[in-house]
Amino acid sequence: MMMFLVYAVSFYCGALFYREGWVKPGDMFAAIFALMNASMGAGNNNHFMSDIGAARNAAKNIFKLLDSKDEYEIQEE
């Protein structure tokens, strides 16, 4: 239902822009196509958002491990 509302608003705004001479029909359809693909991509990738916190913690632990001194270097000093 929401998708059809977004399509309706997009085409309505595009028609207004065309009527005012701000945009050509081909450019309007290209912009609507790009916006719809971008929003669908963002919606499809939304389920990965819960993994971002775990990925940050993993990266933090990896950098902590890489920045730590080796046991061999500690014994030489």
N, C-alpha and C. Protein backbone atom coordinates (compact mmCIF):
# COMPACT_ATOMS: atom_id res chain seq x y z
N MET A 1 0.82 -1.19 0.00
CA MET A 1 0.00 0.00 0.00
C MET A 1 0.87 1.26 0.00
N MET A 2 1.88 1.25 0.86
CA MET A 2 2.75 2.43 0.97
C MET A 2 3.52 2.65 -0.33
N MET A 3 3.90 1.56 -0.99
CA MET A 3 4.66 1.68 -2.22
C MET A 3 3.84 2.42 -3.29
N PHE A 4 2.54 2.11 -3.36
CA PHE A 4 1.71 2.77 -4.36
C PHE A 4 1.54 4.25 -4.05
N LEU A 5 1.49 4.59 -2.79
CA LEU A 5 1.42 6.00 -2.41
C LEU A 5 2.69 6.73 -2.83
N VAL A 6 3.84 6.11 -2.63
CA VAL A 6 5.11 6.72 -3.03
C VAL A 6 5.16 6.88 -4.54
N TYR A 7 4.71 5.87 -5.29
CA TYR A 7 4.65 6.00 -6.74
C TYR A 7 3.74 7.16 -7.15
N ALA A 8 2.58 7.26 -6.52
CA ALA A 8 1.63 8.31 -6.87
C ALA A 8 2.22 9.69 -6.61
N VAL A 9 2.84 9.87 -5.47
CA VAL A 9 3.45 11.17 -5.14
C VAL A 9 4.60 11.48 -6.09
N SER A 10 5.40 10.48 -6.41
CA SER A 10 6.53 10.69 -7.33
C SER A 10 6.05 11.13 -8.71
N PHE A 11 5.06 10.44 -9.23
CA PHE A 11 4.56 10.80 -10.55
C PHE A 11 3.83 12.14 -10.53
N TYR A 12 3.14 12.45 -9.44
CA TYR A 12 2.46 13.73 -9.33
C TYR A 12 3.48 14.88 -9.31
N CYS A 13 4.53 14.73 -8.50
CA CYS A 13 5.56 15.77 -8.45
C CYS A 13 6.28 15.87 -9.79
N GLY A 14 6.53 14.73 -10.43
CA GLY A 14 7.15 14.75 -11.74
C GLY A 14 6.30 15.48 -12.76
N ALA A 15 4.97 15.27 -12.70
CA ALA A 15 4.07 15.96 -13.62
C ALA A 15 4.08 17.46 -13.37
N LEU A 16 4.13 17.85 -12.11
CA LEU A 16 4.22 19.28 -11.80
C LEU A 16 5.52 19.89 -12.31
N PHE A 17 6.63 19.17 -12.12
CA PHE A 17 7.92 19.67 -12.60
C PHE A 17 7.93 19.76 -14.12
N TYR A 18 7.31 18.79 -14.79
CA TYR A 18 7.23 18.81 -16.25
C TYR A 18 6.39 19.99 -16.73
N ARG A 19 5.27 20.21 -16.05
CA ARG A 19 4.38 21.31 -16.44
C ARG A 19 5.08 22.66 -16.30
N GLU A 20 5.93 22.80 -15.29
CA GLU A 20 6.65 24.06 -15.09
C GLU A 20 7.87 24.17 -16.00
N GLY A 21 8.21 23.08 -16.68
CA GLY A 21 9.35 23.11 -17.60
C GLY A 21 10.69 22.87 -16.93
N TRP A 22 10.69 22.34 -15.72
CA TRP A 22 11.94 22.12 -14.99
C TRP A 22 12.61 20.81 -15.37
N VAL A 23 11.84 19.88 -15.95
CA VAL A 23 12.39 18.56 -16.23
C VAL A 23 11.76 18.02 -17.52
N LYS A 24 12.54 17.19 -18.23
CA LYS A 24 12.03 16.52 -19.43
C LYS A 24 11.43 15.17 -19.00
N PRO A 25 10.50 14.62 -19.79
CA PRO A 25 9.87 13.36 -19.38
C PRO A 25 10.88 12.22 -19.18
N GLY A 26 11.87 12.11 -20.06
CA GLY A 26 12.86 11.04 -19.92
C GLY A 26 13.66 11.17 -18.63
N ASP A 27 14.02 12.41 -18.28
CA ASP A 27 14.76 12.65 -17.04
C ASP A 27 13.90 12.36 -15.81
N MET A 28 12.61 12.68 -15.92
CA MET A 28 11.71 12.42 -14.81
C MET A 28 11.60 10.91 -14.54
N PHE A 29 11.41 10.13 -15.61
CA PHE A 29 11.29 8.68 -15.43
C PHE A 29 12.60 8.07 -14.94
N ALA A 30 13.72 8.60 -15.40
CA ALA A 30 15.01 8.10 -14.91
C ALA A 30 15.18 8.39 -13.43
N ALA A 31 14.77 9.58 -12.99
CA ALA A 31 14.88 9.93 -11.57
C ALA A 31 13.96 9.07 -10.72
N ILE A 32 12.73 8.84 -11.18
CA ILE A 32 11.80 8.01 -10.42
C ILE A 32 12.32 6.58 -10.34
N PHE A 33 12.85 6.07 -11.45
CA PHE A 33 13.42 4.71 -11.47
C PHE A 33 14.58 4.61 -10.49
N ALA A 34 15.46 5.61 -10.47
CA ALA A 34 16.61 5.59 -9.56
C ALA A 34 16.15 5.65 -8.11
N LEU A 35 15.19 6.51 -7.80
CA LEU A 35 14.70 6.63 -6.43
C LEU A 35 14.03 5.34 -5.96
N MET A 36 13.25 4.73 -6.82
CA MET A 36 12.58 3.48 -6.43
C MET A 36 13.58 2.36 -6.21
N ASN A 37 14.58 2.25 -7.08
CA ASN A 37 15.60 1.21 -6.89
C ASN A 37 16.41 1.45 -5.63
N ALA A 38 16.74 2.71 -5.34
CA ALA A 38 17.50 3.02 -4.13
C ALA A 38 16.69 2.70 -2.88
N SER A 39 15.41 3.04 -2.89
CA SER A 39 14.59 2.77 -1.71
C SER A 39 14.36 1.27 -1.53
N MET A 40 14.20 0.53 -2.61
CA MET A 40 14.04 -0.92 -2.48
C MET A 40 15.33 -1.56 -1.98
N GLY A 41 16.47 -1.06 -2.45
CA GLY A 41 17.74 -1.58 -1.97
C GLY A 41 17.94 -1.32 -0.49
N ALA A 42 17.58 -0.12 -0.06
CA ALA A 42 17.70 0.20 1.36
C ALA A 42 16.76 -0.65 2.19
N GLY A 43 15.56 -0.87 1.71
CA GLY A 43 14.61 -1.70 2.44
C GLY A 43 15.03 -3.16 2.51
N ASN A 44 15.60 -3.66 1.42
CA ASN A 44 16.04 -5.05 1.41
C ASN A 44 17.26 -5.27 2.30
N ASN A 45 18.08 -4.26 2.46
CA ASN A 45 19.28 -4.39 3.30
C ASN A 45 19.03 -4.01 4.75
N ASN A 46 17.83 -3.68 5.09
CA ASN A 46 17.50 -3.27 6.45
C ASN A 46 17.73 -4.39 7.46
N HIS A 47 17.58 -5.63 7.06
CA HIS A 47 17.76 -6.73 8.01
C HIS A 47 19.22 -6.93 8.40
N PHE A 48 20.16 -6.28 7.71
CA PHE A 48 21.57 -6.36 8.08
C PHE A 48 21.93 -5.36 9.18
N MET A 49 21.04 -4.45 9.51
CA MET A 49 21.36 -3.40 10.48
C MET A 49 21.70 -3.96 11.85
N SER A 50 21.12 -5.07 12.23
CA SER A 50 21.41 -5.62 13.54
C SER A 50 22.83 -6.17 13.62
N ASP A 51 23.42 -6.49 12.48
CA ASP A 51 24.78 -7.02 12.46
C ASP A 51 25.84 -5.93 12.52
N ILE A 52 25.47 -4.68 12.36
CA ILE A 52 26.45 -3.60 12.33
C ILE A 52 27.14 -3.46 13.69
N GLY A 53 26.40 -3.60 14.78
CA GLY A 53 26.99 -3.50 16.11
C GLY A 53 28.00 -4.61 16.35
N ALA A 54 27.67 -5.81 15.93
CA ALA A 54 28.61 -6.94 16.09
C ALA A 54 29.83 -6.73 15.22
N ALA A 55 29.65 -6.18 14.02
CA ALA A 55 30.79 -5.93 13.13
C ALA A 55 31.72 -4.86 13.72
N ARG A 56 31.16 -3.83 14.33
CA ARG A 56 31.98 -2.80 14.96
C ARG A 56 32.80 -3.38 16.11
N ASN A 57 32.16 -4.19 16.94
CA ASN A 57 32.88 -4.81 18.06
C ASN A 57 33.98 -5.73 17.56
N ALA A 58 33.71 -6.48 16.50
CA ALA A 58 34.72 -7.37 15.94
C ALA A 58 35.89 -6.57 15.39
N ALA A 59 35.61 -5.49 14.69
CA ALA A 59 36.68 -4.65 14.15
C ALA A 59 37.50 -4.03 15.28
N LYS A 60 36.82 -3.59 16.33
CA LYS A 60 37.53 -3.01 17.47
C LYS A 60 38.46 -4.03 18.10
N ASN A 61 37.99 -5.27 18.25
CA ASN A 61 38.82 -6.32 18.83
C ASN A 61 40.00 -6.68 17.93
N ILE A 62 39.79 -6.68 16.63
CA ILE A 62 40.88 -6.98 15.70
C ILE A 62 41.95 -5.91 15.78
N PHE A 63 41.56 -4.63 15.78
CA PHE A 63 42.55 -3.56 15.86
C PHE A 63 43.27 -3.55 17.21
N LYS A 64 42.55 -3.90 18.28
CA LYS A 64 43.19 -4.00 19.58
C LYS A 64 44.24 -5.10 19.57
N LEU A 65 43.92 -6.21 18.94
CA LEU A 65 44.85 -7.32 18.83
C LEU A 65 46.06 -6.95 17.97
N LEU A 66 45.83 -6.25 16.87
CA LEU A 66 46.94 -5.86 16.00
C LEU A 66 47.84 -4.81 16.65
N ASP A 67 47.27 -3.96 17.49
CA ASP A 67 48.06 -2.92 18.15
C ASP A 67 48.78 -3.41 19.39
N SER A 68 48.43 -4.57 19.90
CA SER A 68 49.09 -5.08 21.11
C SER A 68 50.48 -5.59 20.77
N LYS A 69 51.34 -5.62 21.80
CA LYS A 69 52.71 -6.10 21.61
C LYS A 69 52.73 -7.62 21.68
N ASP A 70 53.62 -8.20 20.90
CA ASP A 70 53.80 -9.65 20.95
C ASP A 70 54.50 -10.05 22.24
N GLU A 71 54.27 -11.29 22.68
CA GLU A 71 54.95 -11.78 23.88
C GLU A 71 56.46 -11.84 23.67
N TYR A 72 56.88 -12.14 22.46
CA TYR A 72 58.30 -12.22 22.16
C TYR A 72 58.97 -10.86 22.29
N GLU A 73 58.30 -9.80 21.83
CA GLU A 73 58.86 -8.45 21.93
C GLU A 73 58.92 -8.01 23.39
N ILE A 74 57.97 -8.42 24.19
CA ILE A 74 57.96 -8.04 25.60
C ILE A 74 59.13 -8.70 26.34
N GLN A 75 59.47 -9.94 26.02
CA GLN A 75 60.55 -10.66 26.69
C GLN A 75 61.91 -10.08 26.33
N GLU A 76 62.09 -9.56 25.14
CA GLU A 76 63.38 -9.00 24.72
C GLU A 76 63.72 -7.72 25.43
N GLU A 77 62.71 -6.95 25.79
CA GLU A 77 62.95 -5.64 26.43
C GLU A 77 63.37 -5.85 27.82
